Amino acid sequence: MTHPFLFLLTAATLIAIPGPNHLYITARGMAEGRRAGIASALGVETGTLVHVAAAAAGLSAVVAASAAAFSTLRYAGAAYLVYLAIRTLRSRGGEDGDGTAPAPRPLRRVYLDGLLINLLNPKVILLFLAFLPQFVDQSAGAVPAQIVALGLAAALIGLVSDLLYAVAAGAIGARLRRQGGRFRRAGRYATGAVYLGLGAVAAFGAPGKVTGAAR
């Protein structure tokens, strides 16, 4: 394995740049609280582990090499984000001045949403194709093991970053929710807009470029 410390530094720099995953976690944390934000973060990074396993097995390369498979994954992810946006915009609990808050979604559902969003993110596949292999030493052998080790390191860095966003968003959201229905309505619209924006990025973003925005 070549230059592991350089990999960790570069990965940390890329992960620190706010991207779709961070926006999703922030939206969930602000709308539904710190626990929902943390559950979203755990779901997202579980998806990262699946991507690591796929990269080690060579499945990511197969998907990226197939235009049809890549497009299917891309549009499925966009459609799911649009579904989340519609679901969010249609929820109106606590906005009519009755003092009631919208019923929180089960954390298991929140976790699965984060997992699916990351699994259906083609840019993450490209991240593991174009970025991670640069730090694999072919002459050292055991290439899948090297990919797993580097991928787990990236997932750990990502988890720390995601949890920071989740906790901060949960604190901000709790303060805003105490202000009443008007702020809940604004938060609902903002969250729905984030999901729609992420759906547009997934559907129309340039798939050939791998940057920090892949997160």
N, C-alpha and C. Protein backbone atom coordinates (compact mmCIF):
# COMPACT_ATOMS: atom_id res chain seq x y z
N MET A 1 0.85 -1.18 0.00
CA MET A 1 0.00 0.00 0.00
C MET A 1 0.89 1.24 0.00
N THR A 2 0.68 2.17 -0.95
CA THR A 2 1.57 3.31 -1.08
C THR A 2 0.99 4.55 -0.43
N HIS A 3 1.85 5.23 0.31
CA HIS A 3 1.51 6.53 0.89
C HIS A 3 0.17 6.54 1.63
N PRO A 4 -0.01 5.70 2.64
CA PRO A 4 -1.31 5.68 3.34
C PRO A 4 -1.63 7.00 4.02
N PHE A 5 -0.61 7.69 4.52
CA PHE A 5 -0.87 8.96 5.19
C PHE A 5 -1.32 10.03 4.20
N LEU A 6 -0.75 9.98 2.99
CA LEU A 6 -1.20 10.91 1.95
C LEU A 6 -2.65 10.62 1.58
N PHE A 7 -3.01 9.34 1.53
CA PHE A 7 -4.39 8.98 1.24
C PHE A 7 -5.32 9.53 2.32
N LEU A 8 -4.96 9.34 3.59
CA LEU A 8 -5.80 9.81 4.68
C LEU A 8 -5.96 11.32 4.64
N LEU A 9 -4.88 12.03 4.35
CA LEU A 9 -4.95 13.49 4.28
C LEU A 9 -5.84 13.94 3.13
N THR A 10 -5.66 13.31 1.97
CA THR A 10 -6.46 13.69 0.81
C THR A 10 -7.92 13.33 1.02
N ALA A 11 -8.16 12.15 1.56
CA ALA A 11 -9.54 11.72 1.81
C ALA A 11 -10.22 12.66 2.80
N ALA A 12 -9.52 13.04 3.85
CA ALA A 12 -10.10 13.95 4.85
C ALA A 12 -10.43 15.29 4.22
N THR A 13 -9.57 15.76 3.32
CA THR A 13 -9.82 17.04 2.66
C THR A 13 -11.05 16.97 1.78
N LEU A 14 -11.17 15.90 1.00
CA LEU A 14 -12.33 15.74 0.13
C LEU A 14 -13.62 15.57 0.93
N ILE A 15 -13.55 14.78 1.98
CA ILE A 15 -14.74 14.51 2.78
C ILE A 15 -15.21 15.76 3.51
N ALA A 16 -14.27 16.63 3.89
CA ALA A 16 -14.63 17.84 4.63
C ALA A 16 -15.43 18.82 3.78
N ILE A 17 -15.30 18.72 2.44
CA ILE A 17 -16.04 19.62 1.56
C ILE A 17 -17.52 19.22 1.57
N PRO A 18 -18.43 20.14 1.94
CA PRO A 18 -19.85 19.78 1.99
C PRO A 18 -20.34 19.29 0.64
N GLY A 19 -21.07 18.19 0.66
CA GLY A 19 -21.62 17.61 -0.55
C GLY A 19 -23.01 17.06 -0.31
N PRO A 20 -23.56 16.29 -1.25
CA PRO A 20 -24.93 15.78 -1.13
C PRO A 20 -25.20 15.01 0.15
N ASN A 21 -24.28 14.15 0.58
CA ASN A 21 -24.52 13.39 1.81
C ASN A 21 -24.63 14.31 3.01
N HIS A 22 -23.74 15.31 3.08
CA HIS A 22 -23.79 16.26 4.19
C HIS A 22 -25.09 17.05 4.18
N LEU A 23 -25.52 17.46 2.99
CA LEU A 23 -26.78 18.21 2.89
C LEU A 23 -27.95 17.36 3.34
N TYR A 24 -27.94 16.09 2.94
CA TYR A 24 -29.03 15.19 3.34
C TYR A 24 -29.06 15.02 4.86
N ILE A 25 -27.91 14.76 5.46
CA ILE A 25 -27.83 14.57 6.92
C ILE A 25 -28.25 15.84 7.64
N THR A 26 -27.81 16.98 7.14
CA THR A 26 -28.18 18.25 7.76
C THR A 26 -29.68 18.48 7.68
N ALA A 27 -30.26 18.20 6.53
CA ALA A 27 -31.71 18.37 6.37
C ALA A 27 -32.47 17.48 7.33
N ARG A 28 -32.05 16.23 7.48
CA ARG A 28 -32.74 15.32 8.38
C ARG A 28 -32.57 15.75 9.84
N GLY A 29 -31.35 16.16 10.19
CA GLY A 29 -31.12 16.58 11.57
C GLY A 29 -31.92 17.80 11.94
N MET A 30 -32.00 18.78 11.03
CA MET A 30 -32.76 19.99 11.33
C MET A 30 -34.25 19.72 11.38
N ALA A 31 -34.74 18.85 10.51
CA ALA A 31 -36.18 18.60 10.44
C ALA A 31 -36.67 17.68 11.54
N GLU A 32 -35.87 16.66 11.92
CA GLU A 32 -36.37 15.63 12.81
C GLU A 32 -35.54 15.43 14.07
N GLY A 33 -34.49 16.21 14.25
CA GLY A 33 -33.73 16.13 15.50
C GLY A 33 -32.40 15.42 15.37
N ARG A 34 -31.62 15.52 16.44
CA ARG A 34 -30.27 14.98 16.45
C ARG A 34 -30.24 13.48 16.22
N ARG A 35 -31.16 12.74 16.86
CA ARG A 35 -31.16 11.29 16.70
C ARG A 35 -31.40 10.89 15.25
N ALA A 36 -32.29 11.62 14.56
CA ALA A 36 -32.54 11.33 13.15
C ALA A 36 -31.30 11.65 12.32
N GLY A 37 -30.62 12.75 12.65
CA GLY A 37 -29.40 13.09 11.93
C GLY A 37 -28.33 12.03 12.10
N ILE A 38 -28.18 11.54 13.32
CA ILE A 38 -27.19 10.49 13.58
C ILE A 38 -27.57 9.20 12.86
N ALA A 39 -28.86 8.85 12.89
CA ALA A 39 -29.30 7.65 12.19
C ALA A 39 -29.04 7.78 10.69
N SER A 40 -29.26 8.98 10.14
CA SER A 40 -28.97 9.21 8.73
C SER A 40 -27.50 9.03 8.44
N ALA A 41 -26.65 9.57 9.32
CA ALA A 41 -25.20 9.45 9.13
C ALA A 41 -24.77 7.99 9.16
N LEU A 42 -25.32 7.22 10.09
CA LEU A 42 -24.98 5.80 10.17
C LEU A 42 -25.43 5.05 8.92
N GLY A 43 -26.61 5.43 8.40
CA GLY A 43 -27.09 4.80 7.17
C GLY A 43 -26.20 5.13 5.99
N VAL A 44 -25.80 6.40 5.88
CA VAL A 44 -24.92 6.81 4.78
C VAL A 44 -23.61 6.04 4.82
N GLU A 45 -23.01 5.93 6.00
CA GLU A 45 -21.71 5.26 6.08
C GLU A 45 -21.83 3.75 5.96
N THR A 46 -22.98 3.19 6.29
CA THR A 46 -23.21 1.77 5.98
C THR A 46 -23.20 1.58 4.47
N GLY A 47 -23.80 2.54 3.76
CA GLY A 47 -23.73 2.50 2.31
C GLY A 47 -22.31 2.58 1.81
N THR A 48 -21.48 3.38 2.47
CA THR A 48 -20.07 3.47 2.09
C THR A 48 -19.39 2.12 2.23
N LEU A 49 -19.71 1.39 3.31
CA LEU A 49 -19.11 0.07 3.50
C LEU A 49 -19.51 -0.88 2.37
N VAL A 50 -20.75 -0.77 1.92
CA VAL A 50 -21.19 -1.60 0.80
C VAL A 50 -20.40 -1.24 -0.46
N HIS A 51 -20.18 0.06 -0.68
CA HIS A 51 -19.39 0.49 -1.83
C HIS A 51 -17.95 -0.03 -1.73
N VAL A 52 -17.41 -0.03 -0.52
CA VAL A 52 -16.05 -0.55 -0.33
C VAL A 52 -16.00 -2.03 -0.72
N ALA A 53 -16.99 -2.80 -0.24
CA ALA A 53 -17.03 -4.22 -0.56
C ALA A 53 -17.19 -4.44 -2.07
N ALA A 54 -18.02 -3.61 -2.71
CA ALA A 54 -18.22 -3.73 -4.16
C ALA A 54 -16.95 -3.40 -4.92
N ALA A 55 -16.23 -2.37 -4.45
CA ALA A 55 -14.98 -2.00 -5.11
C ALA A 55 -13.94 -3.11 -4.96
N ALA A 56 -13.87 -3.72 -3.77
CA ALA A 56 -12.91 -4.80 -3.54
C ALA A 56 -13.24 -6.01 -4.41
N ALA A 57 -14.53 -6.22 -4.66
CA ALA A 57 -14.94 -7.37 -5.48
C ALA A 57 -14.93 -7.06 -6.97
N GLY A 58 -14.67 -5.80 -7.33
CA GLY A 58 -14.65 -5.41 -8.73
C GLY A 58 -15.99 -5.06 -9.31
N LEU A 59 -17.05 -5.03 -8.47
CA LEU A 59 -18.39 -4.76 -8.98
C LEU A 59 -18.57 -3.30 -9.39
N SER A 60 -17.89 -2.38 -8.69
CA SER A 60 -18.01 -0.97 -9.03
C SER A 60 -17.52 -0.72 -10.46
N ALA A 61 -16.42 -1.38 -10.82
CA ALA A 61 -15.88 -1.20 -12.17
C ALA A 61 -16.87 -1.70 -13.22
N VAL A 62 -17.55 -2.80 -12.92
CA VAL A 62 -18.53 -3.36 -13.85
C VAL A 62 -19.68 -2.37 -14.06
N VAL A 63 -20.19 -1.79 -12.96
CA VAL A 63 -21.30 -0.85 -13.07
C VAL A 63 -20.87 0.40 -13.83
N ALA A 64 -19.70 0.94 -13.49
CA ALA A 64 -19.24 2.16 -14.14
C ALA A 64 -18.94 1.95 -15.62
N ALA A 65 -18.55 0.74 -15.99
CA ALA A 65 -18.22 0.45 -17.39
C ALA A 65 -19.47 0.26 -18.24
N SER A 66 -20.61 -0.02 -17.60
CA SER A 66 -21.86 -0.23 -18.32
C SER A 66 -22.69 1.05 -18.29
N ALA A 67 -22.89 1.66 -19.45
CA ALA A 67 -23.66 2.90 -19.51
C ALA A 67 -25.09 2.68 -19.02
N ALA A 68 -25.67 1.55 -19.39
CA ALA A 68 -27.05 1.27 -19.00
C ALA A 68 -27.17 1.10 -17.49
N ALA A 69 -26.26 0.30 -16.89
CA ALA A 69 -26.30 0.08 -15.45
C ALA A 69 -26.04 1.38 -14.69
N PHE A 70 -25.10 2.17 -15.18
CA PHE A 70 -24.77 3.42 -14.51
C PHE A 70 -25.95 4.39 -14.56
N SER A 71 -26.60 4.48 -15.73
CA SER A 71 -27.74 5.38 -15.87
C SER A 71 -28.92 4.92 -15.02
N THR A 72 -29.14 3.60 -14.96
CA THR A 72 -30.23 3.08 -14.14
C THR A 72 -30.02 3.45 -12.67
N LEU A 73 -28.80 3.26 -12.19
CA LEU A 73 -28.49 3.59 -10.81
C LEU A 73 -28.66 5.08 -10.57
N ARG A 74 -28.20 5.87 -11.51
CA ARG A 74 -28.25 7.32 -11.39
C ARG A 74 -29.69 7.82 -11.28
N TYR A 75 -30.57 7.35 -12.18
CA TYR A 75 -31.94 7.83 -12.18
C TYR A 75 -32.76 7.23 -11.04
N ALA A 76 -32.41 6.04 -10.61
CA ALA A 76 -33.10 5.47 -9.44
C ALA A 76 -32.81 6.31 -8.21
N GLY A 77 -31.57 6.74 -8.05
CA GLY A 77 -31.22 7.61 -6.93
C GLY A 77 -31.94 8.93 -7.00
N ALA A 78 -32.02 9.51 -8.20
CA ALA A 78 -32.72 10.79 -8.37
C ALA A 78 -34.20 10.64 -8.03
N ALA A 79 -34.81 9.54 -8.51
CA ALA A 79 -36.23 9.31 -8.25
C ALA A 79 -36.51 9.15 -6.76
N TYR A 80 -35.61 8.48 -6.06
CA TYR A 80 -35.84 8.28 -4.62
C TYR A 80 -35.74 9.61 -3.88
N LEU A 81 -34.82 10.48 -4.28
CA LEU A 81 -34.70 11.78 -3.65
C LEU A 81 -35.95 12.64 -3.92
N VAL A 82 -36.48 12.57 -5.12
CA VAL A 82 -37.70 13.29 -5.44
C VAL A 82 -38.86 12.76 -4.59
N TYR A 83 -38.91 11.45 -4.40
CA TYR A 83 -39.93 10.85 -3.53
C TYR A 83 -39.82 11.40 -2.11
N LEU A 84 -38.58 11.49 -1.59
CA LEU A 84 -38.39 12.04 -0.25
C LEU A 84 -38.84 13.50 -0.20
N ALA A 85 -38.58 14.25 -1.28
CA ALA A 85 -38.99 15.65 -1.32
C ALA A 85 -40.50 15.77 -1.26
N ILE A 86 -41.21 14.96 -2.05
CA ILE A 86 -42.67 15.01 -2.05
C ILE A 86 -43.23 14.61 -0.70
N ARG A 87 -42.66 13.57 -0.10
CA ARG A 87 -43.12 13.12 1.21
C ARG A 87 -42.92 14.21 2.26
N THR A 88 -41.80 14.91 2.18
CA THR A 88 -41.52 15.98 3.13
C THR A 88 -42.46 17.16 2.94
N LEU A 89 -42.66 17.56 1.70
CA LEU A 89 -43.51 18.72 1.43
C LEU A 89 -44.97 18.46 1.76
N ARG A 90 -45.38 17.22 1.76
CA ARG A 90 -46.78 16.90 2.07
C ARG A 90 -47.05 16.77 3.57
N SER A 91 -46.00 16.64 4.38
CA SER A 91 -46.20 16.53 5.82
C SER A 91 -46.41 17.92 6.41
N ARG A 92 -47.48 18.07 7.22
CA ARG A 92 -47.84 19.40 7.71
C ARG A 92 -48.02 19.45 9.22
N GLY A 93 -47.58 18.41 9.94
CA GLY A 93 -47.80 18.38 11.39
C GLY A 93 -47.20 19.57 12.10
N GLY A 94 -47.95 20.18 13.01
CA GLY A 94 -47.44 21.24 13.85
C GLY A 94 -47.33 22.60 13.19
N GLU A 95 -47.94 22.78 12.01
CA GLU A 95 -47.81 24.06 11.31
C GLU A 95 -49.05 24.93 11.43
N ASP A 96 -50.10 24.45 12.07
CA ASP A 96 -51.35 25.19 12.12
C ASP A 96 -51.60 25.84 13.46
N GLY A 97 -50.53 25.95 14.27
CA GLY A 97 -50.67 26.65 15.53
C GLY A 97 -51.29 25.85 16.64
N ASP A 98 -51.42 24.53 16.48
CA ASP A 98 -52.02 23.72 17.53
C ASP A 98 -50.99 23.22 18.52
N GLY A 99 -49.71 23.55 18.29
CA GLY A 99 -48.66 23.18 19.24
C GLY A 99 -48.17 21.76 19.11
N THR A 100 -48.74 21.00 18.19
CA THR A 100 -48.29 19.62 18.03
C THR A 100 -47.14 19.55 17.04
N ALA A 101 -46.20 18.66 17.30
CA ALA A 101 -45.08 18.47 16.38
C ALA A 101 -45.38 17.29 15.48
N PRO A 102 -44.83 17.27 14.30
CA PRO A 102 -45.06 16.12 13.42
C PRO A 102 -44.49 14.85 14.03
N ALA A 103 -45.20 13.75 13.81
CA ALA A 103 -44.73 12.49 14.38
C ALA A 103 -43.39 12.11 13.77
N PRO A 104 -42.39 11.84 14.60
CA PRO A 104 -41.07 11.49 14.06
C PRO A 104 -41.12 10.13 13.36
N ARG A 105 -40.34 10.00 12.31
CA ARG A 105 -40.26 8.71 11.62
C ARG A 105 -39.44 7.75 12.46
N PRO A 106 -39.72 6.46 12.35
CA PRO A 106 -38.90 5.47 13.06
C PRO A 106 -37.44 5.61 12.64
N LEU A 107 -36.53 5.51 13.60
CA LEU A 107 -35.12 5.66 13.29
C LEU A 107 -34.65 4.62 12.30
N ARG A 108 -35.27 3.45 12.33
CA ARG A 108 -34.90 2.42 11.36
C ARG A 108 -35.17 2.90 9.94
N ARG A 109 -36.30 3.61 9.75
CA ARG A 109 -36.64 4.13 8.42
C ARG A 109 -35.65 5.23 8.02
N VAL A 110 -35.31 6.08 8.96
CA VAL A 110 -34.36 7.15 8.69
C VAL A 110 -33.01 6.57 8.29
N TYR A 111 -32.59 5.53 9.01
CA TYR A 111 -31.33 4.85 8.71
C TYR A 111 -31.36 4.27 7.30
N LEU A 112 -32.45 3.59 6.95
CA LEU A 112 -32.55 2.97 5.63
C LEU A 112 -32.57 4.00 4.52
N ASP A 113 -33.19 5.17 4.77
CA ASP A 113 -33.17 6.23 3.78
C ASP A 113 -31.74 6.66 3.49
N GLY A 114 -30.94 6.86 4.54
CA GLY A 114 -29.55 7.24 4.35
C GLY A 114 -28.77 6.17 3.61
N LEU A 115 -29.02 4.92 3.95
CA LEU A 115 -28.35 3.81 3.28
C LEU A 115 -28.67 3.79 1.79
N LEU A 116 -29.97 3.93 1.46
CA LEU A 116 -30.37 3.86 0.06
C LEU A 116 -29.83 5.03 -0.74
N ILE A 117 -29.83 6.22 -0.14
CA ILE A 117 -29.33 7.39 -0.86
C ILE A 117 -27.87 7.21 -1.22
N ASN A 118 -27.08 6.68 -0.32
CA ASN A 118 -25.66 6.48 -0.62
C ASN A 118 -25.46 5.33 -1.60
N LEU A 119 -26.23 4.26 -1.46
CA LEU A 119 -26.10 3.13 -2.39
C LEU A 119 -26.45 3.53 -3.82
N LEU A 120 -27.41 4.46 -3.95
CA LEU A 120 -27.87 4.87 -5.27
C LEU A 120 -27.13 6.09 -5.80
N ASN A 121 -26.02 6.43 -5.16
CA ASN A 121 -25.24 7.60 -5.57
C ASN A 121 -24.11 7.16 -6.49
N PRO A 122 -24.25 7.34 -7.81
CA PRO A 122 -23.21 6.86 -8.73
C PRO A 122 -21.88 7.58 -8.55
N LYS A 123 -21.92 8.80 -8.03
CA LYS A 123 -20.67 9.53 -7.85
C LYS A 123 -19.80 8.89 -6.78
N VAL A 124 -20.42 8.23 -5.82
CA VAL A 124 -19.63 7.53 -4.82
C VAL A 124 -18.92 6.34 -5.46
N ILE A 125 -19.60 5.66 -6.39
CA ILE A 125 -18.96 4.56 -7.11
C ILE A 125 -17.74 5.08 -7.85
N LEU A 126 -17.88 6.22 -8.52
CA LEU A 126 -16.76 6.79 -9.25
C LEU A 126 -15.65 7.23 -8.31
N LEU A 127 -16.02 7.67 -7.13
CA LEU A 127 -15.01 8.07 -6.15
C LEU A 127 -14.11 6.89 -5.81
N PHE A 128 -14.71 5.72 -5.62
CA PHE A 128 -13.92 4.54 -5.30
C PHE A 128 -13.19 3.99 -6.52
N LEU A 129 -13.67 4.35 -7.73
CA LEU A 129 -12.98 3.90 -8.93
C LEU A 129 -11.79 4.78 -9.28
N ALA A 130 -11.99 6.11 -9.24
CA ALA A 130 -10.98 7.03 -9.74
C ALA A 130 -10.01 7.50 -8.68
N PHE A 131 -10.45 7.53 -7.43
CA PHE A 131 -9.62 8.10 -6.37
C PHE A 131 -8.88 7.03 -5.58
N LEU A 132 -9.62 6.11 -5.00
CA LEU A 132 -9.01 5.12 -4.13
C LEU A 132 -7.95 4.26 -4.81
N PRO A 133 -8.16 3.77 -6.06
CA PRO A 133 -7.14 2.91 -6.67
C PRO A 133 -5.78 3.57 -6.86
N GLN A 134 -5.75 4.91 -6.85
CA GLN A 134 -4.47 5.59 -7.02
C GLN A 134 -3.51 5.28 -5.87
N PHE A 135 -4.05 4.84 -4.75
CA PHE A 135 -3.23 4.60 -3.56
C PHE A 135 -3.02 3.10 -3.31
N VAL A 136 -3.38 2.28 -4.28
CA VAL A 136 -3.18 0.84 -4.18
C VAL A 136 -1.87 0.47 -4.85
N ASP A 137 -1.06 -0.30 -4.16
CA ASP A 137 0.24 -0.75 -4.69
C ASP A 137 0.05 -2.13 -5.32
N GLN A 138 0.00 -2.15 -6.66
CA GLN A 138 -0.23 -3.41 -7.36
C GLN A 138 0.88 -4.43 -7.08
N SER A 139 2.11 -3.94 -6.92
CA SER A 139 3.23 -4.85 -6.73
C SER A 139 3.23 -5.50 -5.36
N ALA A 140 2.46 -4.94 -4.43
CA ALA A 140 2.43 -5.49 -3.07
C ALA A 140 1.47 -6.67 -2.96
N GLY A 141 0.65 -6.88 -3.99
CA GLY A 141 -0.30 -7.98 -3.95
C GLY A 141 -1.48 -7.68 -3.03
N ALA A 142 -2.39 -8.65 -2.91
CA ALA A 142 -3.57 -8.52 -2.04
C ALA A 142 -4.30 -7.20 -2.29
N VAL A 143 -4.59 -6.92 -3.57
CA VAL A 143 -5.24 -5.65 -3.93
C VAL A 143 -6.60 -5.49 -3.24
N PRO A 144 -7.47 -6.52 -3.22
CA PRO A 144 -8.75 -6.34 -2.51
C PRO A 144 -8.57 -5.96 -1.04
N ALA A 145 -7.57 -6.56 -0.38
CA ALA A 145 -7.34 -6.22 1.03
C ALA A 145 -6.90 -4.77 1.18
N GLN A 146 -6.09 -4.29 0.25
CA GLN A 146 -5.67 -2.89 0.30
C GLN A 146 -6.87 -1.96 0.10
N ILE A 147 -7.75 -2.32 -0.85
CA ILE A 147 -8.95 -1.51 -1.10
C ILE A 147 -9.83 -1.46 0.14
N VAL A 148 -9.99 -2.61 0.80
CA VAL A 148 -10.82 -2.66 2.00
C VAL A 148 -10.21 -1.79 3.10
N ALA A 149 -8.89 -1.89 3.30
CA ALA A 149 -8.24 -1.10 4.35
C ALA A 149 -8.39 0.39 4.10
N LEU A 150 -8.14 0.81 2.85
CA LEU A 150 -8.28 2.23 2.52
C LEU A 150 -9.73 2.68 2.60
N GLY A 151 -10.63 1.82 2.12
CA GLY A 151 -12.04 2.17 2.16
C GLY A 151 -12.57 2.31 3.58
N LEU A 152 -12.15 1.42 4.48
CA LEU A 152 -12.57 1.51 5.87
C LEU A 152 -12.05 2.80 6.52
N ALA A 153 -10.82 3.18 6.16
CA ALA A 153 -10.27 4.42 6.69
C ALA A 153 -11.09 5.61 6.21
N ALA A 154 -11.47 5.61 4.92
CA ALA A 154 -12.29 6.69 4.38
C ALA A 154 -13.67 6.71 5.04
N ALA A 155 -14.24 5.52 5.28
CA ALA A 155 -15.55 5.44 5.92
C ALA A 155 -15.50 5.98 7.34
N LEU A 156 -14.42 5.71 8.06
CA LEU A 156 -14.29 6.20 9.43
C LEU A 156 -14.19 7.72 9.44
N ILE A 157 -13.38 8.27 8.52
CA ILE A 157 -13.28 9.73 8.43
C ILE A 157 -14.65 10.33 8.07
N GLY A 158 -15.33 9.68 7.13
CA GLY A 158 -16.64 10.16 6.74
C GLY A 158 -17.64 10.10 7.87
N LEU A 159 -17.57 9.06 8.70
CA LEU A 159 -18.49 8.93 9.82
C LEU A 159 -18.30 10.07 10.82
N VAL A 160 -17.05 10.38 11.13
CA VAL A 160 -16.78 11.48 12.06
C VAL A 160 -17.34 12.78 11.50
N SER A 161 -17.09 13.03 10.21
CA SER A 161 -17.60 14.25 9.58
C SER A 161 -19.12 14.28 9.59
N ASP A 162 -19.75 13.17 9.23
CA ASP A 162 -21.21 13.10 9.18
C ASP A 162 -21.83 13.33 10.55
N LEU A 163 -21.23 12.75 11.59
CA LEU A 163 -21.78 12.91 12.94
C LEU A 163 -21.68 14.36 13.41
N LEU A 164 -20.62 15.05 13.03
CA LEU A 164 -20.50 16.46 13.39
C LEU A 164 -21.63 17.26 12.74
N TYR A 165 -21.90 16.99 11.48
CA TYR A 165 -23.01 17.67 10.80
C TYR A 165 -24.34 17.31 11.46
N ALA A 166 -24.52 16.04 11.81
CA ALA A 166 -25.79 15.60 12.40
C ALA A 166 -26.06 16.29 13.73
N VAL A 167 -25.05 16.34 14.58
CA VAL A 167 -25.21 16.95 15.91
C VAL A 167 -25.47 18.44 15.78
N ALA A 168 -24.72 19.11 14.92
CA ALA A 168 -24.91 20.56 14.75
C ALA A 168 -26.29 20.86 14.17
N ALA A 169 -26.70 20.09 13.16
CA ALA A 169 -28.02 20.31 12.56
C ALA A 169 -29.13 20.03 13.55
N GLY A 170 -28.96 18.99 14.39
CA GLY A 170 -29.97 18.69 15.39
C GLY A 170 -30.14 19.82 16.39
N ALA A 171 -29.04 20.44 16.80
CA ALA A 171 -29.10 21.55 17.75
C ALA A 171 -29.79 22.76 17.14
N ILE A 172 -29.44 23.07 15.89
CA ILE A 172 -30.07 24.21 15.22
C ILE A 172 -31.55 23.95 15.00
N GLY A 173 -31.87 22.72 14.56
CA GLY A 173 -33.27 22.38 14.33
C GLY A 173 -34.11 22.44 15.59
N ALA A 174 -33.55 21.99 16.72
CA ALA A 174 -34.30 22.03 17.99
C ALA A 174 -34.62 23.47 18.37
N ARG A 175 -33.69 24.36 18.16
CA ARG A 175 -33.93 25.77 18.49
C ARG A 175 -35.02 26.36 17.59
N LEU A 176 -34.97 26.03 16.31
CA LEU A 176 -35.97 26.57 15.39
C LEU A 176 -37.35 25.98 15.65
N ARG A 177 -37.41 24.69 15.99
CA ARG A 177 -38.72 24.08 16.23
C ARG A 177 -39.41 24.67 17.44
N ARG A 178 -38.66 25.19 18.39
CA ARG A 178 -39.28 25.81 19.57
C ARG A 178 -39.97 27.12 19.22
N GLN A 179 -39.71 27.64 18.03
CA GLN A 179 -40.30 28.92 17.63
C GLN A 179 -41.73 28.76 17.11
N GLY A 180 -42.18 27.53 16.89
CA GLY A 180 -43.56 27.33 16.50
C GLY A 180 -43.75 26.89 15.05
N GLY A 181 -45.03 26.89 14.62
CA GLY A 181 -45.40 26.34 13.33
C GLY A 181 -44.79 27.05 12.14
N ARG A 182 -44.61 28.38 12.24
CA ARG A 182 -44.07 29.12 11.11
C ARG A 182 -42.68 28.62 10.74
N PHE A 183 -41.87 28.34 11.75
CA PHE A 183 -40.52 27.87 11.50
C PHE A 183 -40.52 26.41 11.05
N ARG A 184 -41.50 25.64 11.54
CA ARG A 184 -41.61 24.26 11.06
C ARG A 184 -41.95 24.24 9.57
N ARG A 185 -42.84 25.16 9.18
CA ARG A 185 -43.20 25.22 7.77
C ARG A 185 -42.00 25.61 6.91
N ALA A 186 -41.26 26.60 7.35
CA ALA A 186 -40.07 27.01 6.60
C ALA A 186 -39.05 25.88 6.53
N GLY A 187 -38.89 25.16 7.64
CA GLY A 187 -37.97 24.04 7.66
C GLY A 187 -38.40 22.93 6.72
N ARG A 188 -39.72 22.71 6.66
CA ARG A 188 -40.24 21.68 5.75
C ARG A 188 -39.96 22.05 4.30
N TYR A 189 -40.20 23.30 3.95
CA TYR A 189 -39.93 23.74 2.58
C TYR A 189 -38.44 23.66 2.27
N ALA A 190 -37.60 24.06 3.23
CA ALA A 190 -36.15 24.02 3.00
C ALA A 190 -35.67 22.58 2.81
N THR A 191 -36.19 21.68 3.64
CA THR A 191 -35.79 20.28 3.54
C THR A 191 -36.24 19.69 2.20
N GLY A 192 -37.47 19.98 1.81
CA GLY A 192 -37.95 19.50 0.53
C GLY A 192 -37.13 20.04 -0.63
N ALA A 193 -36.73 21.32 -0.53
CA ALA A 193 -35.91 21.91 -1.58
C ALA A 193 -34.55 21.24 -1.66
N VAL A 194 -33.98 20.88 -0.50
CA VAL A 194 -32.69 20.18 -0.49
C VAL A 194 -32.81 18.85 -1.20
N TYR A 195 -33.86 18.09 -0.90
CA TYR A 195 -34.04 16.80 -1.54
C TYR A 195 -34.22 16.95 -3.06
N LEU A 196 -35.01 17.95 -3.47
CA LEU A 196 -35.20 18.18 -4.90
C LEU A 196 -33.88 18.57 -5.57
N GLY A 197 -33.10 19.41 -4.88
CA GLY A 197 -31.80 19.80 -5.42
C GLY A 197 -30.87 18.62 -5.57
N LEU A 198 -30.85 17.76 -4.55
CA LEU A 198 -30.01 16.57 -4.63
C LEU A 198 -30.47 15.64 -5.74
N GLY A 199 -31.79 15.56 -5.94
CA GLY A 199 -32.31 14.74 -7.02
C GLY A 199 -31.87 15.27 -8.38
N ALA A 200 -31.88 16.60 -8.53
CA ALA A 200 -31.44 17.21 -9.78
C ALA A 200 -29.95 16.95 -10.02
N VAL A 201 -29.16 17.05 -8.95
CA VAL A 201 -27.72 16.77 -9.08
C VAL A 201 -27.49 15.33 -9.50
N ALA A 202 -28.25 14.41 -8.88
CA ALA A 202 -28.09 12.99 -9.22
C ALA A 202 -28.48 12.71 -10.66
N ALA A 203 -29.53 13.39 -11.13
CA ALA A 203 -30.04 13.11 -12.47
C ALA A 203 -29.25 13.80 -13.57
N PHE A 204 -28.80 15.04 -13.30
CA PHE A 204 -28.21 15.84 -14.38
C PHE A 204 -26.76 16.22 -14.14
N GLY A 205 -26.21 15.86 -12.96
CA GLY A 205 -24.83 16.19 -12.69
C GLY A 205 -23.90 15.42 -13.61
N ALA A 206 -22.71 16.02 -13.87
CA ALA A 206 -21.74 15.35 -14.75
C ALA A 206 -21.19 14.12 -14.07
N PRO A 207 -21.48 12.90 -14.57
CA PRO A 207 -21.07 11.69 -13.89
C PRO A 207 -19.60 11.37 -14.03
N GLY A 208 -18.91 12.03 -14.93
CA GLY A 208 -17.54 11.67 -15.19
C GLY A 208 -16.54 12.36 -14.29
N LYS A 209 -17.00 13.27 -13.45
CA LYS A 209 -16.08 14.03 -12.61
C LYS A 209 -16.19 13.56 -11.18
N VAL A 210 -15.08 13.25 -10.56
CA VAL A 210 -15.06 12.81 -9.19
C VAL A 210 -14.37 13.87 -8.35
N THR A 211 -15.12 14.49 -7.48
CA THR A 211 -14.56 15.53 -6.62
C THR A 211 -15.05 15.31 -5.22
N GLY A 212 -14.74 16.27 -4.35
CA GLY A 212 -15.23 16.16 -2.98
C GLY A 212 -16.74 16.22 -2.91
N ALA A 213 -17.38 16.80 -3.93
CA ALA A 213 -18.84 16.86 -3.93
C ALA A 213 -19.47 15.49 -4.00
N ALA A 214 -18.68 14.45 -4.23
CA ALA A 214 -19.24 13.09 -4.24
C ALA A 214 -19.80 12.71 -2.88
N ARG A 215 -19.38 13.35 -1.84
CA ARG A 215 -19.94 13.06 -0.53
C ARG A 215 -21.27 13.71 -0.35
